[in-house]
C-alpha atoms as a PDB file:
ATOM      1  CA  UNK A   1       0.172  -0.101  -0.050  1.00  0.00           C
ATOM      2  CA  UNK A   2       1.112   3.484  -0.932  1.00  0.00           C
ATOM      3  CA  UNK A   3       1.369   6.133   2.104  1.00  0.00           C
ATOM      4  CA  UNK A   4      -1.448   8.356   1.673  1.00  0.00           C
ATOM      5  CA  UNK A   5       0.055  11.359   1.294  1.00  0.00           C
ATOM      6  CA  UNK A   6       2.447   9.611  -1.639  1.00  0.00           C
ATOM      7  CA  UNK A   7      -0.862   8.614  -3.567  1.00  0.00           C
ATOM      8  CA  UNK A   8      -2.515  12.643  -2.768  1.00  0.00           C
ATOM      9  CA  UNK A   9       0.663  14.042  -4.927  1.00  0.00           C
ATOM     10  CA  UNK A  10       1.015  11.130  -7.640  1.00  0.00           C
ATOM     11  CA  UNK A  11      -2.910  11.688  -8.294  1.00  0.00           C
ATOM     12  CA  UNK A  12      -1.951  15.430  -8.342  1.00  0.00           C
ATOM     13  CA  UNK A  13       1.209  14.844 -10.570  1.00  0.00           C
ATOM     14  CA  UNK A  14      -0.959  13.091 -12.953  1.00  0.00           C
ATOM     15  CA  UNK A  15      -4.210  15.646 -13.686  1.00  0.00           C
ATOM     16  CA  UNK A  16      -1.284  18.068 -14.400  1.00  0.00           C
ATOM     17  CA  UNK A  17       0.427  15.495 -16.961  1.00  0.00           C
ATOM     18  CA  UNK A  18      -3.333  14.750 -18.304  1.00  0.00           C
ATOM     19  CA  UNK A  19      -3.451  19.173 -18.037  1.00  0.00           C
ATOM     20  CA  UNK A  20      -0.474  20.058 -20.229  1.00  0.00           C
ATOM     21  CA  UNK A  21      -0.987  16.716 -22.434  1.00  0.00           C
ATOM     22  CA  UNK A  22      -4.394  18.276 -23.639  1.00  0.00           C
ATOM     23  CA  UNK A  23      -3.128  22.091 -23.587  1.00  0.00           C
ATOM     24  CA  UNK A  24      -0.546  20.570 -26.080  1.00  0.00           C
ATOM     25  CA  UNK A  25      -3.506  18.546 -27.812  1.00  0.00           C
ATOM     26  CA  UNK A  26      -5.616  21.143 -28.938  1.00  0.00           C
ATOM     27  CA  UNK A  27      -3.088  23.827 -29.550  1.00  0.00           C
ATOM     28  CA  UNK A  28      -1.875  20.950 -32.246  1.00  0.00           C
ATOM     29  CA  UNK A  29      -5.185  21.159 -33.379  1.00  0.00           C
ATOM     30  CA  UNK A  30      -5.303  25.083 -33.271  1.00  0.00           C
ATOM     31  CA  UNK A  31      -2.314  25.140 -35.929  1.00  0.00           C
ATOM     32  CA  UNK A  32      -3.638  22.250 -37.976  1.00  0.00           C
ATOM     33  CA  UNK A  33      -6.927  24.303 -38.598  1.00  0.00           C
ATOM     34  CA  UNK A  34      -6.023  27.795 -38.289  1.00  0.00           C
END
């Protein structure tokens, strides 16, 4: 079992990565649709 604090940090990091990834995807789509 992972410690709660570690799990919380991991989830926050995962969310941050997904958010950046989505930003990049939408940015690429904007360029393509231009």
